Amino acid sequence: MIVRLYIYRNKSNPGLGIIHNNLFWDAYAYTKSTGINEILGAKANSKEKQTLVVLDVVLATEYSHIHLNAFLARIQININSVKSEKRKTLPIIIYRECSKEVFFTMRKNGIISFNISAIFGSRIYEIIRKSSQLPFLLKNDQNLDQSVESILETIKSSGQEGALKDLRGTLFEYLMFGYLSSLYPRAGFEQNVILKIGERKHEFDYIITSTHPPELVFVELKGLRDGTFVSLGDNKTKATLKWFFNKSMGLAKEYYKDKNSKNLKMKAIFMTSAGFWENTKEFIEEMEKSTFRSAKSKTIIGRKELLENLEKDGFSNEVKMIEKYYSKLEDGTESESDFYDEAIGEPDLPF
């Protein structure tokens, strides 16, 4: 069965979930694997003919009868929400723990269920527990780099680097907090801030409010492997330089147009543990001469310069972590899946 997750609940909207057919789901997708049905999979060429896959994911607490009953109710509403025939629906539950009664009720109702450890291994519990503590440690400035290193080591030793590469990206954001704080020591930091105007929105990894110098700094961090490269891109290609500086920063300027009472100068930093394609060279030079350049940092910083800056400013532990956990694979190469998953933008010559 081939399933592509179209859309899912994530850190941009962790509380609401995703609306589909006027119902909330943690994730949904469509599959052509329609089972024994009048419509063959090869002929399931529209959503109406395909099977809707819906996921319910509970990791923070035990999966209870309350969770299950709510999920079953939404499934029934979805199945019976059309007049001519019932909608084909495949429900899946992913949980950290649940009682035997709940588990057998899942099976009785024909729901596919997975313990999270069956997907990521038993050490996922340790990773979840430690990761949940990071916001508190950041807020209170307590042993943040040691905690990040511990999680990265657990991911590496469990063999889940590929599956948890998005988490490695998030950990890079925490890893860079100390360095950014040293650049703006008396500034206010906001993490994972979503700015939204109508249908347009962007989540900034950090927004730094600095009085010395008087700047409002928008930070984009990309924790990627060595050997992957960020591309120039355009306003339509996510996670590229032009997407951030032209589209996302354009949104930020518009958003703060009437909210910048202290008239702070708007600056931007794009920092990555990866490299850049050759087609970005002219744009990087252009941004360094632009009004986005902060008094405390260059606007665009790649792996080589980042490691040099960290070493120079005394962040040797961060250097070691980047070299160890954001490096190429052990044989010195990138697997094909790593390349396509982590390399951002179109191929070109790196520099």
C-alpha atoms as a PDB file:
ATOM      1  CA  MET A   1       0.000   0.000   0.000  1.00  0.00           C
ATOM      2  CA  ILE A   2       1.432   3.369  -1.033  1.00  0.00           C
ATOM      3  CA  VAL A   3       0.354   6.325   1.089  1.00  0.00           C
ATOM      4  CA  ARG A   4       1.607   9.894   0.741  1.00  0.00           C
ATOM      5  CA  LEU A   5       0.705  12.110   3.679  1.00  0.00           C
ATOM      6  CA  TYR A   6      -0.791  15.205   2.124  1.00  0.00           C
ATOM      7  CA  ILE A   7      -1.013  17.259   5.269  1.00  0.00           C
ATOM      8  CA  TYR A   8      -0.517  16.762   8.984  1.00  0.00           C
ATOM      9  CA  ARG A   9      -0.599  18.455  12.364  1.00  0.00           C
ATOM     10  CA  ASN A  10       2.824  19.881  13.154  1.00  0.00           C
ATOM     11  CA  LYS A  11       4.537  22.512  15.275  1.00  0.00           C
ATOM     12  CA  SER A  12       2.962  25.294  13.202  1.00  0.00           C
ATOM     13  CA  ASN A  13      -0.501  24.320  14.471  1.00  0.00           C
ATOM     14  CA  PRO A  14       0.017  21.750  17.262  1.00  0.00           C
ATOM     15  CA  GLY A  15      -3.294  22.357  19.012  1.00  0.00           C
ATOM     16  CA  LEU A  16      -5.794  22.381  16.175  1.00  0.00           C
ATOM     17  CA  GLY A  17      -4.950  19.565  13.814  1.00  0.00           C
ATOM     18  CA  ILE A  18      -5.875  19.507  10.149  1.00  0.00           C
ATOM     19  CA  ILE A  19      -9.402  20.073   8.811  1.00  0.00           C
ATOM     20  CA  HIS A  20     -10.563  17.728   6.046  1.00  0.00           C
ATOM     21  CA  ASN A  21     -14.220  17.072   5.155  1.00  0.00           C
ATOM     22  CA  ASN A  22     -15.045  19.508   7.986  1.00  0.00           C
ATOM     23  CA  LEU A  23     -13.411  17.230  10.583  1.00  0.00           C
ATOM     24  CA  PHE A  24     -10.164  17.508  12.550  1.00  0.00           C
ATOM     25  CA  TRP A  25      -7.407  14.926  12.015  1.00  0.00           C
ATOM     26  CA  ASP A  26      -3.786  14.628  13.072  1.00  0.00           C
ATOM     27  CA  ALA A  27      -2.953  13.678   9.488  1.00  0.00           C
ATOM     28  CA  TYR A  28      -4.690  12.470   6.360  1.00  0.00           C
ATOM     29  CA  ALA A  29      -3.801  11.098   2.950  1.00  0.00           C
ATOM     30  CA  TYR A  30      -5.316   9.214   0.045  1.00  0.00           C
ATOM     31  CA  THR A  31      -4.274   5.809  -1.285  1.00  0.00           C
ATOM     32  CA  LYS A  32      -5.115   3.920  -4.451  1.00  0.00           C
ATOM     33  CA  SER A  33      -4.998   0.686  -2.446  1.00  0.00           C
ATOM     34  CA  THR A  34      -8.766   0.366  -2.318  1.00  0.00           C
ATOM     35  CA  GLY A  35      -8.867  -3.276  -1.222  1.00  0.00           C
ATOM     36  CA  ILE A  36     -11.425  -5.722  -2.626  1.00  0.00           C
ATOM     37  CA  ASN A  37     -13.661  -3.245  -4.350  1.00  0.00           C
ATOM     38  CA  GLU A  38     -15.537  -2.645  -7.589  1.00  0.00           C
ATOM     39  CA  ILE A  39     -12.963   0.055  -8.338  1.00  0.00           C
ATOM     40  CA  LEU A  40      -9.513  -1.355  -9.047  1.00  0.00           C
ATOM     41  CA  GLY A  41      -6.550   0.530  -7.626  1.00  0.00           C
ATOM     42  CA  ALA A  42      -5.272   1.351 -11.108  1.00  0.00           C
ATOM     43  CA  LYS A  43      -8.583   3.040 -11.892  1.00  0.00           C
ATOM     44  CA  ALA A  44      -8.767   5.007  -8.635  1.00  0.00           C
ATOM     45  CA  ASN A  45      -7.692   8.195 -10.374  1.00  0.00           C
ATOM     46  CA  SER A  46      -9.593  10.687  -8.204  1.00  0.00           C
ATOM     47  CA  LYS A  47      -9.989  11.276  -4.475  1.00  0.00           C
ATOM     48  CA  GLU A  48     -13.628  10.182  -4.675  1.00  0.00           C
ATOM     49  CA  LYS A  49     -12.497   6.732  -5.885  1.00  0.00           C
ATOM     50  CA  GLN A  50      -9.560   6.402  -3.488  1.00  0.00           C
ATOM     51  CA  THR A  51      -9.408   5.462   0.181  1.00  0.00           C
ATOM     52  CA  LEU A  52      -9.016   8.242   2.724  1.00  0.00           C
ATOM     53  CA  VAL A  53      -6.319   7.421   5.295  1.00  0.00           C
ATOM     54  CA  VAL A  54      -6.745   9.249   8.629  1.00  0.00           C
ATOM     55  CA  LEU A  55      -4.300   9.198  11.531  1.00  0.00           C
ATOM     56  CA  ASP A  56      -4.741   9.762  15.233  1.00  0.00           C
ATOM     57  CA  VAL A  57      -1.446  10.317  17.072  1.00  0.00           C
ATOM     58  CA  VAL A  58      -1.138  10.619  20.868  1.00  0.00           C
ATOM     59  CA  LEU A  59       2.379  10.565  22.328  1.00  0.00           C
ATOM     60  CA  ALA A  60       2.236  12.982  25.256  1.00  0.00           C
ATOM     61  CA  THR A  61      -0.155  10.836  27.316  1.00  0.00           C
ATOM     62  CA  GLU A  62      -1.695   7.359  27.375  1.00  0.00           C
ATOM     63  CA  TYR A  63      -4.112   6.679  24.526  1.00  0.00           C
ATOM     64  CA  SER A  64      -7.420   6.395  26.369  1.00  0.00           C
ATOM     65  CA  HIS A  65     -11.034   5.448  25.641  1.00  0.00           C
ATOM     66  CA  ILE A  66     -11.747   9.178  25.333  1.00  0.00           C
ATOM     67  CA  HIS A  67      -9.252   9.499  22.472  1.00  0.00           C
ATOM     68  CA  LEU A  68     -10.538   6.352  20.789  1.00  0.00           C
ATOM     69  CA  ASN A  69     -14.231   7.242  21.068  1.00  0.00           C
ATOM     70  CA  ALA A  70     -13.605  10.692  19.643  1.00  0.00           C
ATOM     71  CA  PHE A  71     -11.640   9.209  16.725  1.00  0.00           C
ATOM     72  CA  LEU A  72     -14.354   6.603  16.045  1.00  0.00           C
ATOM     73  CA  ALA A  73     -17.021   9.314  16.068  1.00  0.00           C
ATOM     74  CA  ARG A  74     -15.137  11.367  13.473  1.00  0.00           C
ATOM     75  CA  ILE A  75     -14.626   8.276  11.318  1.00  0.00           C
ATOM     76  CA  GLN A  76     -18.349   7.478  11.363  1.00  0.00           C
ATOM     77  CA  ILE A  77     -19.244  11.052  10.440  1.00  0.00           C
ATOM     78  CA  ASN A  78     -16.771  10.924   7.535  1.00  0.00           C
ATOM     79  CA  ILE A  79     -18.021   7.533   6.284  1.00  0.00           C
ATOM     80  CA  ASN A  80     -21.690   8.591   6.285  1.00  0.00           C
ATOM     81  CA  SER A  81     -21.271  12.166   5.074  1.00  0.00           C
ATOM     82  CA  VAL A  82     -22.209  11.460   1.436  1.00  0.00           C
ATOM     83  CA  LYS A  83     -25.644  10.437   0.114  1.00  0.00           C
ATOM     84  CA  SER A  84     -24.900   7.968  -2.668  1.00  0.00           C
ATOM     85  CA  GLU A  85     -22.346   5.650  -1.014  1.00  0.00           C
ATOM     86  CA  LYS A  86     -20.210   5.383   2.079  1.00  0.00           C
ATOM     87  CA  ARG A  87     -16.739   6.921   1.964  1.00  0.00           C
ATOM     88  CA  LYS A  88     -13.871   4.424   2.018  1.00  0.00           C
ATOM     89  CA  THR A  89     -11.785   5.190   5.116  1.00  0.00           C
ATOM     90  CA  LEU A  90      -8.638   3.588   6.549  1.00  0.00           C
ATOM     91  CA  PRO A  91      -8.039   4.633  10.190  1.00  0.00           C
ATOM     92  CA  ILE A  92      -4.577   4.376  11.799  1.00  0.00           C
ATOM     93  CA  ILE A  93      -3.645   5.080  15.416  1.00  0.00           C
ATOM     94  CA  ILE A  94      -0.091   5.745  16.622  1.00  0.00           C
ATOM     95  CA  TYR A  95       0.360   5.721  20.400  1.00  0.00           C
ATOM     96  CA  ARG A  96       3.032   5.637  23.078  1.00  0.00           C
ATOM     97  CA  GLU A  97       1.056   3.494  25.503  1.00  0.00           C
ATOM     98  CA  CYS A  98      -2.510   2.271  25.964  1.00  0.00           C
ATOM     99  CA  SER A  99      -4.423  -0.226  28.092  1.00  0.00           C
ATOM    100  CA  LYS A 100      -5.304  -3.727  26.901  1.00  0.00           C
ATOM    101  CA  GLU A 101      -8.994  -2.750  26.832  1.00  0.00           C
ATOM    102  CA  VAL A 102      -8.338   0.168  24.493  1.00  0.00           C
ATOM    103  CA  PHE A 103      -6.000  -1.922  22.321  1.00  0.00           C
ATOM    104  CA  PHE A 104      -8.566  -4.692  21.820  1.00  0.00           C
ATOM    105  CA  THR A 105     -11.293  -2.127  21.117  1.00  0.00           C
ATOM    106  CA  MET A 106      -9.080  -0.745  18.338  1.00  0.00           C
ATOM    107  CA  ARG A 107      -8.718  -4.241  16.871  1.00  0.00           C
ATOM    108  CA  LYS A 108     -12.435  -4.972  17.259  1.00  0.00           C
ATOM    109  CA  ASN A 109     -13.239  -1.874  15.191  1.00  0.00           C
ATOM    110  CA  GLY A 110     -10.746  -2.791  12.468  1.00  0.00           C
ATOM    111  CA  ILE A 111      -8.346   0.034  13.229  1.00  0.00           C
ATOM    112  CA  ILE A 112      -4.663  -0.394  12.376  1.00  0.00           C
ATOM    113  CA  SER A 113      -2.544   0.654  15.359  1.00  0.00           C
ATOM    114  CA  PHE A 114       1.177   1.031  16.017  1.00  0.00           C
ATOM    115  CA  ASN A 115       3.131   1.590  19.173  1.00  0.00           C
ATOM    116  CA  ILE A 116       5.607   4.391  18.394  1.00  0.00           C
ATOM    117  CA  SER A 117       8.465   2.086  19.427  1.00  0.00           C
ATOM    118  CA  ALA A 118       7.532  -0.317  16.622  1.00  0.00           C
ATOM    119  CA  ILE A 119       8.310   2.477  14.168  1.00  0.00           C
ATOM    120  CA  PHE A 120      11.326   4.191  15.746  1.00  0.00           C
ATOM    121  CA  GLY A 121      12.621   1.619  18.237  1.00  0.00           C
ATOM    122  CA  SER A 122      12.407   1.562  22.029  1.00  0.00           C
ATOM    123  CA  ARG A 123      14.756   4.534  22.503  1.00  0.00           C
ATOM    124  CA  ILE A 124      12.146   6.857  21.017  1.00  0.00           C
ATOM    125  CA  TYR A 125      10.684   7.199  24.537  1.00  0.00           C
ATOM    126  CA  GLU A 126      13.946   8.660  25.782  1.00  0.00           C
ATOM    127  CA  ILE A 127      14.099  11.008  22.785  1.00  0.00           C
ATOM    128  CA  ILE A 128      10.529  12.224  23.368  1.00  0.00           C
ATOM    129  CA  ARG A 129      11.129  12.770  27.090  1.00  0.00           C
ATOM    130  CA  LYS A 130      14.345  14.728  26.596  1.00  0.00           C
ATOM    131  CA  SER A 131      12.977  16.760  23.676  1.00  0.00           C
ATOM    132  CA  SER A 132       9.956  17.833  25.711  1.00  0.00           C
ATOM    133  CA  GLN A 133      12.322  19.443  28.249  1.00  0.00           C
ATOM    134  CA  LEU A 134      14.123  21.665  25.713  1.00  0.00           C
ATOM    135  CA  PRO A 135      11.722  24.656  25.761  1.00  0.00           C
ATOM    136  CA  PHE A 136      12.065  24.856  29.561  1.00  0.00           C
ATOM    137  CA  LEU A 137      15.858  24.594  29.392  1.00  0.00           C
ATOM    138  CA  LEU A 138      16.024  27.302  26.735  1.00  0.00           C
ATOM    139  CA  LYS A 139      13.801  29.626  28.732  1.00  0.00           C
ATOM    140  CA  ASN A 140      15.866  29.123  31.871  1.00  0.00           C
ATOM    141  CA  ASP A 141      19.248  28.841  30.114  1.00  0.00           C
ATOM    142  CA  GLN A 142      20.064  25.522  31.822  1.00  0.00           C
ATOM    143  CA  ASN A 143      22.462  23.003  30.219  1.00  0.00           C
ATOM    144  CA  LEU A 144      20.824  23.399  26.815  1.00  0.00           C
ATOM    145  CA  ASP A 145      23.801  22.271  24.733  1.00  0.00           C
ATOM    146  CA  GLN A 146      24.355  19.156  26.888  1.00  0.00           C
ATOM    147  CA  SER A 147      20.701  18.169  26.505  1.00  0.00           C
ATOM    148  CA  VAL A 148      20.801  18.681  22.737  1.00  0.00           C
ATOM    149  CA  GLU A 149      23.977  16.591  22.514  1.00  0.00           C
ATOM    150  CA  SER A 150      22.368  13.819  24.561  1.00  0.00           C
ATOM    151  CA  ILE A 151      19.354  13.666  22.220  1.00  0.00           C
ATOM    152  CA  LEU A 152      21.526  13.740  19.096  1.00  0.00           C
ATOM    153  CA  GLU A 153      23.641  10.891  20.476  1.00  0.00           C
ATOM    154  CA  THR A 154      20.514   8.854  21.256  1.00  0.00           C
ATOM    155  CA  ILE A 155      19.214   9.407  17.713  1.00  0.00           C
ATOM    156  CA  LYS A 156      22.570   8.386  16.250  1.00  0.00           C
ATOM    157  CA  SER A 157      23.053   5.303  18.431  1.00  0.00           C
ATOM    158  CA  SER A 158      19.490   4.129  17.780  1.00  0.00           C
ATOM    159  CA  GLY A 159      20.067   4.244  14.023  1.00  0.00           C
ATOM    160  CA  GLN A 160      17.177   6.669  13.463  1.00  0.00           C
ATOM    161  CA  GLU A 161      19.088   9.585  11.903  1.00  0.00           C
ATOM    162  CA  GLY A 162      17.225   9.286   8.619  1.00  0.00           C
ATOM    163  CA  ALA A 163      13.764   8.852  10.109  1.00  0.00           C
ATOM    164  CA  LEU A 164      14.264  11.676  12.618  1.00  0.00           C
ATOM    165  CA  LYS A 165      16.067  14.161  10.379  1.00  0.00           C
ATOM    166  CA  ASP A 166      13.348  16.778  10.977  1.00  0.00           C
ATOM    167  CA  LEU A 167      14.038  16.506  14.699  1.00  0.00           C
ATOM    168  CA  ARG A 168      17.748  16.978  14.004  1.00  0.00           C
ATOM    169  CA  GLY A 169      16.776  20.207  12.244  1.00  0.00           C
ATOM    170  CA  THR A 170      14.846  21.351  15.309  1.00  0.00           C
ATOM    171  CA  LEU A 171      17.752  20.433  17.584  1.00  0.00           C
ATOM    172  CA  PHE A 172      20.036  22.606  15.451  1.00  0.00           C
ATOM    173  CA  GLU A 173      17.771  25.546  16.296  1.00  0.00           C
ATOM    174  CA  TYR A 174      18.312  24.923  20.006  1.00  0.00           C
ATOM    175  CA  LEU A 175      22.022  24.324  19.457  1.00  0.00           C
ATOM    176  CA  MET A 176      22.433  27.782  17.916  1.00  0.00           C
ATOM    177  CA  PHE A 177      20.618  29.607  20.717  1.00  0.00           C
ATOM    178  CA  GLY A 178      23.753  30.087  22.813  1.00  0.00           C
ATOM    179  CA  TYR A 179      25.718  31.520  19.909  1.00  0.00           C
ATOM    180  CA  LEU A 180      22.929  33.883  18.894  1.00  0.00           C
ATOM    181  CA  SER A 181      22.553  34.964  22.525  1.00  0.00           C
ATOM    182  CA  SER A 182      26.233  35.844  22.600  1.00  0.00           C
ATOM    183  CA  LEU A 183      25.774  38.086  19.556  1.00  0.00           C
ATOM    184  CA  TYR A 184      22.748  39.816  21.122  1.00  0.00           C
ATOM    185  CA  PRO A 185      23.393  39.479  24.895  1.00  0.00           C
ATOM    186  CA  ARG A 186      20.712  41.895  26.116  1.00  0.00           C
ATOM    187  CA  ALA A 187      18.065  41.062  23.557  1.00  0.00           C
ATOM    188  CA  GLY A 188      14.671  39.385  23.785  1.00  0.00           C
ATOM    189  CA  PHE A 189      14.300  36.038  22.009  1.00  0.00           C
ATOM    190  CA  GLU A 190      11.056  34.559  20.670  1.00  0.00           C
ATOM    191  CA  GLN A 191      11.220  31.042  19.252  1.00  0.00           C
ATOM    192  CA  ASN A 192       9.089  29.520  16.472  1.00  0.00           C
ATOM    193  CA  VAL A 193       7.040  32.648  15.851  1.00  0.00           C
ATOM    194  CA  ILE A 194       4.349  32.393  13.158  1.00  0.00           C
ATOM    195  CA  LEU A 195       3.529  35.642  11.359  1.00  0.00           C
ATOM    196  CA  LYS A 196       0.321  35.547   9.349  1.00  0.00           C
ATOM    197  CA  ILE A 197      -1.446  38.004   7.035  1.00  0.00           C
ATOM    198  CA  GLY A 198      -4.550  36.523   5.420  1.00  0.00           C
ATOM    199  CA  GLU A 199      -3.520  33.207   3.843  1.00  0.00           C
ATOM    200  CA  ARG A 200       0.166  34.132   3.894  1.00  0.00           C
ATOM    201  CA  LYS A 201       2.251  32.931   6.830  1.00  0.00           C
ATOM    202  CA  HIS A 202       5.795  32.010   7.810  1.00  0.00           C
ATOM    203  CA  GLU A 203       7.328  30.546  10.933  1.00  0.00           C
ATOM    204  CA  PHE A 204      10.580  32.204  11.983  1.00  0.00           C
ATOM    205  CA  ASP A 205      12.933  30.090  14.078  1.00  0.00           C
ATOM    206  CA  TYR A 206      13.819  33.124  16.194  1.00  0.00           C
ATOM    207  CA  ILE A 207      12.810  36.769  16.273  1.00  0.00           C
ATOM    208  CA  ILE A 208      15.357  38.781  18.234  1.00  0.00           C
ATOM    209  CA  THR A 209      14.417  42.176  19.677  1.00  0.00           C
ATOM    210  CA  SER A 210      17.669  44.031  20.288  1.00  0.00           C
ATOM    211  CA  THR A 211      18.179  47.513  21.746  1.00  0.00           C
ATOM    212  CA  HIS A 212      21.976  47.556  21.319  1.00  0.00           C
ATOM    213  CA  PRO A 213      21.976  47.748  18.345  1.00  0.00           C
ATOM    214  CA  PRO A 214      18.318  48.775  17.840  1.00  0.00           C
ATOM    215  CA  GLU A 215      17.314  45.901  15.556  1.00  0.00           C
ATOM    216  CA  LEU A 216      14.535  43.398  14.981  1.00  0.00           C
ATOM    217  CA  VAL A 217      16.340  40.293  13.680  1.00  0.00           C
ATOM    218  CA  PHE A 218      14.548  37.448  11.891  1.00  0.00           C
ATOM    219  CA  VAL A 219      16.480  34.169  11.979  1.00  0.00           C
ATOM    220  CA  GLU A 220      16.186  31.132   9.703  1.00  0.00           C
ATOM    221  CA  LEU A 221      18.196  28.037  10.716  1.00  0.00           C
ATOM    222  CA  LYS A 222      18.747  24.916   8.587  1.00  0.00           C
ATOM    223  CA  GLY A 223      20.335  21.960  10.366  1.00  0.00           C
ATOM    224  CA  LEU A 224      21.389  19.814   7.404  1.00  0.00           C
ATOM    225  CA  ARG A 225      24.156  17.317   6.723  1.00  0.00           C
ATOM    226  CA  ASP A 226      27.522  18.294   5.319  1.00  0.00           C
ATOM    227  CA  GLY A 227      27.421  17.595   1.593  1.00  0.00           C
ATOM    228  CA  THR A 228      23.914  19.020   1.096  1.00  0.00           C
ATOM    229  CA  PHE A 229      23.364  22.451  -0.384  1.00  0.00           C
ATOM    230  CA  VAL A 230      20.800  25.232  -0.131  1.00  0.00           C
ATOM    231  CA  SER A 231      19.706  26.646  -3.470  1.00  0.00           C
ATOM    232  CA  LEU A 232      18.865  30.145  -4.680  1.00  0.00           C
ATOM    233  CA  GLY A 233      15.284  29.193  -5.498  1.00  0.00           C
ATOM    234  CA  ASP A 234      12.477  31.696  -5.939  1.00  0.00           C
ATOM    235  CA  ASN A 235       9.367  33.002  -4.177  1.00  0.00           C
ATOM    236  CA  LYS A 236       7.560  29.720  -4.869  1.00  0.00           C
ATOM    237  CA  THR A 237      10.262  27.282  -3.709  1.00  0.00           C
ATOM    238  CA  LYS A 238      10.232  26.746   0.044  1.00  0.00           C
ATOM    239  CA  ALA A 239      13.408  26.663   2.154  1.00  0.00           C
ATOM    240  CA  THR A 240      15.504  28.462  -0.457  1.00  0.00           C
ATOM    241  CA  LEU A 241      17.275  31.798  -0.101  1.00  0.00           C
ATOM    242  CA  LYS A 242      14.864  33.789  -2.246  1.00  0.00           C
ATOM    243  CA  TRP A 243      11.900  32.226  -0.476  1.00  0.00           C
ATOM    244  CA  PHE A 244      13.211  33.528   2.848  1.00  0.00           C
ATOM    245  CA  PHE A 245      14.637  36.933   1.906  1.00  0.00           C
ATOM    246  CA  ASN A 246      12.051  37.936  -0.688  1.00  0.00           C
ATOM    247  CA  LYS A 247       8.819  36.282   0.397  1.00  0.00           C
ATOM    248  CA  SER A 248       9.174  35.615   4.139  1.00  0.00           C
ATOM    249  CA  MET A 249      10.957  38.871   4.929  1.00  0.00           C
ATOM    250  CA  GLY A 250       8.442  40.707   2.742  1.00  0.00           C
ATOM    251  CA  LEU A 251       5.715  39.283   4.965  1.00  0.00           C
ATOM    252  CA  ALA A 252       7.644  40.332   8.092  1.00  0.00           C
ATOM    253  CA  LYS A 253       8.030  43.906   6.837  1.00  0.00           C
ATOM    254  CA  GLU A 254       4.323  44.138   6.095  1.00  0.00           C
ATOM    255  CA  TYR A 255       3.368  42.548   9.414  1.00  0.00           C
ATOM    256  CA  TYR A 256       5.495  44.934  11.492  1.00  0.00           C
ATOM    257  CA  LYS A 257       4.673  48.031   9.473  1.00  0.00           C
ATOM    258  CA  ASP A 258       2.364  49.373  12.198  1.00  0.00           C
ATOM    259  CA  LYS A 259       3.737  47.290  15.089  1.00  0.00           C
ATOM    260  CA  ASN A 260       7.310  48.579  15.249  1.00  0.00           C
ATOM    261  CA  SER A 261       6.737  51.432  17.724  1.00  0.00           C
ATOM    262  CA  LYS A 262      10.446  51.698  18.614  1.00  0.00           C
ATOM    263  CA  ASN A 263      11.342  51.947  14.924  1.00  0.00           C
ATOM    264  CA  LEU A 264      13.812  49.062  15.143  1.00  0.00           C
ATOM    265  CA  LYS A 265      15.697  48.324  11.933  1.00  0.00           C
ATOM    266  CA  MET A 266      14.598  45.009  10.408  1.00  0.00           C
ATOM    267  CA  LYS A 267      17.450  42.562   9.844  1.00  0.00           C
ATOM    268  CA  ALA A 268      17.740  38.927   8.763  1.00  0.00           C
ATOM    269  CA  ILE A 269      20.064  35.959   9.310  1.00  0.00           C
ATOM    270  CA  PHE A 270      20.029  32.718   7.308  1.00  0.00           C
ATOM    271  CA  MET A 271      22.331  30.152   8.928  1.00  0.00           C
ATOM    272  CA  THR A 272      22.933  26.540   7.953  1.00  0.00           C
ATOM    273  CA  SER A 273      25.200  23.610   8.753  1.00  0.00           C
ATOM    274  CA  ALA A 274      25.121  22.776   5.031  1.00  0.00           C
ATOM    275  CA  GLY A 275      26.576  24.599   2.024  1.00  0.00           C
ATOM    276  CA  PHE A 276      25.197  26.642  -0.869  1.00  0.00           C
ATOM    277  CA  TRP A 277      24.912  25.952  -4.571  1.00  0.00           C
ATOM    278  CA  GLU A 278      27.028  27.991  -6.955  1.00  0.00           C
ATOM    279  CA  ASN A 279      23.911  29.820  -8.178  1.00  0.00           C
ATOM    280  CA  THR A 280      23.587  31.554  -4.788  1.00  0.00           C
ATOM    281  CA  LYS A 281      26.969  33.320  -4.822  1.00  0.00           C
ATOM    282  CA  GLU A 282      25.843  36.593  -6.412  1.00  0.00           C
ATOM    283  CA  PHE A 283      22.691  36.735  -4.275  1.00  0.00           C
ATOM    284  CA  ILE A 284      24.698  36.184  -1.066  1.00  0.00           C
ATOM    285  CA  GLU A 285      26.985  39.077  -1.976  1.00  0.00           C
ATOM    286  CA  GLU A 286      23.935  41.219  -2.725  1.00  0.00           C
ATOM    287  CA  MET A 287      22.339  40.435   0.659  1.00  0.00           C
ATOM    288  CA  GLU A 288      25.560  41.297   2.524  1.00  0.00           C
ATOM    289  CA  LYS A 289      25.307  44.823   1.083  1.00  0.00           C
ATOM    290  CA  SER A 290      21.559  45.109   1.703  1.00  0.00           C
ATOM    291  CA  THR A 291      19.643  46.693   4.563  1.00  0.00           C
ATOM    292  CA  PHE A 292      19.095  43.180   5.958  1.00  0.00           C
ATOM    293  CA  ARG A 293      22.722  43.068   7.199  1.00  0.00           C
ATOM    294  CA  SER A 294      22.795  43.206  10.997  1.00  0.00           C
ATOM    295  CA  ALA A 295      25.469  45.111  12.890  1.00  0.00           C
ATOM    296  CA  LYS A 296      26.278  41.854  14.734  1.00  0.00           C
ATOM    297  CA  SER A 297      26.217  39.221  12.009  1.00  0.00           C
ATOM    298  CA  LYS A 298      26.405  38.544   8.300  1.00  0.00           C
ATOM    299  CA  THR A 299      23.089  37.804   6.659  1.00  0.00           C
ATOM    300  CA  ILE A 300      23.911  34.406   5.106  1.00  0.00           C
ATOM    301  CA  ILE A 301      26.238  31.960   6.858  1.00  0.00           C
ATOM    302  CA  GLY A 302      27.139  28.499   5.555  1.00  0.00           C
ATOM    303  CA  ARG A 303      28.817  25.564   7.249  1.00  0.00           C
ATOM    304  CA  LYS A 304      32.485  26.564   6.852  1.00  0.00           C
ATOM    305  CA  GLU A 305      31.993  30.114   8.103  1.00  0.00           C
ATOM    306  CA  LEU A 306      29.634  28.981  10.866  1.00  0.00           C
ATOM    307  CA  LEU A 307      32.195  26.534  12.268  1.00  0.00           C
ATOM    308  CA  GLU A 308      34.903  29.211  12.102  1.00  0.00           C
ATOM    309  CA  ASN A 309      32.702  31.732  13.919  1.00  0.00           C
ATOM    310  CA  LEU A 310      31.735  29.246  16.623  1.00  0.00           C
ATOM    311  CA  GLU A 311      35.345  28.226  17.229  1.00  0.00           C
ATOM    312  CA  LYS A 312      36.511  31.843  17.327  1.00  0.00           C
ATOM    313  CA  ASP A 313      33.839  32.790  19.878  1.00  0.00           C
ATOM    314  CA  GLY A 314      34.510  29.846  22.180  1.00  0.00           C
ATOM    315  CA  PHE A 315      31.680  27.505  21.173  1.00  0.00           C
ATOM    316  CA  SER A 316      33.960  24.518  20.646  1.00  0.00           C
ATOM    317  CA  ASN A 317      31.382  22.027  21.953  1.00  0.00           C
ATOM    318  CA  GLU A 318      28.868  23.215  19.361  1.00  0.00           C
ATOM    319  CA  VAL A 319      31.546  22.789  16.678  1.00  0.00           C
ATOM    320  CA  LYS A 320      32.146  19.188  17.766  1.00  0.00           C
ATOM    321  CA  MET A 321      28.409  18.437  17.721  1.00  0.00           C
ATOM    322  CA  ILE A 322      27.929  19.836  14.218  1.00  0.00           C
ATOM    323  CA  GLU A 323      30.942  17.927  12.934  1.00  0.00           C
ATOM    324  CA  LYS A 324      29.678  14.709  14.547  1.00  0.00           C
ATOM    325  CA  TYR A 325      25.922  14.809  14.086  1.00  0.00           C
ATOM    326  CA  TYR A 326      25.515  16.977  10.968  1.00  0.00           C
ATOM    327  CA  SER A 327      28.248  15.290   8.947  1.00  0.00           C
ATOM    328  CA  LYS A 328      28.156  13.012   5.928  1.00  0.00           C
ATOM    329  CA  LEU A 329      27.327   9.378   6.427  1.00  0.00           C
ATOM    330  CA  GLU A 330      30.075   7.258   7.965  1.00  0.00           C
ATOM    331  CA  ASP A 331      31.282   6.026   4.573  1.00  0.00           C
ATOM    332  CA  GLY A 332      31.702   9.658   3.504  1.00  0.00           C
ATOM    333  CA  THR A 333      28.747   9.659   1.121  1.00  0.00           C
ATOM    334  CA  GLU A 334      25.120  10.694   1.120  1.00  0.00           C
ATOM    335  CA  SER A 335      22.512   8.049   0.385  1.00  0.00           C
ATOM    336  CA  GLU A 336      20.102   8.841  -2.428  1.00  0.00           C
ATOM    337  CA  SER A 337      17.220   9.272   0.029  1.00  0.00           C
ATOM    338  CA  ASP A 338      19.295  11.617   2.203  1.00  0.00           C
ATOM    339  CA  PHE A 339      20.205  13.698  -0.828  1.00  0.00           C
ATOM    340  CA  TYR A 340      16.656  14.168  -2.066  1.00  0.00           C
ATOM    341  CA  ASP A 341      15.219  14.627   1.416  1.00  0.00           C
ATOM    342  CA  GLU A 342      17.820  17.057   2.719  1.00  0.00           C
ATOM    343  CA  ALA A 343      19.303  18.856  -0.303  1.00  0.00           C
ATOM    344  CA  ILE A 344      17.154  21.906  -0.851  1.00  0.00           C
ATOM    345  CA  GLY A 345      16.498  23.231  -4.326  1.00  0.00           C
ATOM    346  CA  GLU A 346      17.769  22.219  -7.739  1.00  0.00           C
ATOM    347  CA  PRO A 347      21.176  20.594  -8.394  1.00  0.00           C
ATOM    348  CA  ASP A 348      24.046  22.863  -9.365  1.00  0.00           C
ATOM    349  CA  LEU A 349      27.714  23.234  -8.581  1.00  0.00           C
ATOM    350  CA  PRO A 350      28.353  23.810  -4.851  1.00  0.00           C
ATOM    351  CA  PHE A 351      30.914  26.244  -3.526  1.00  0.00           C
END
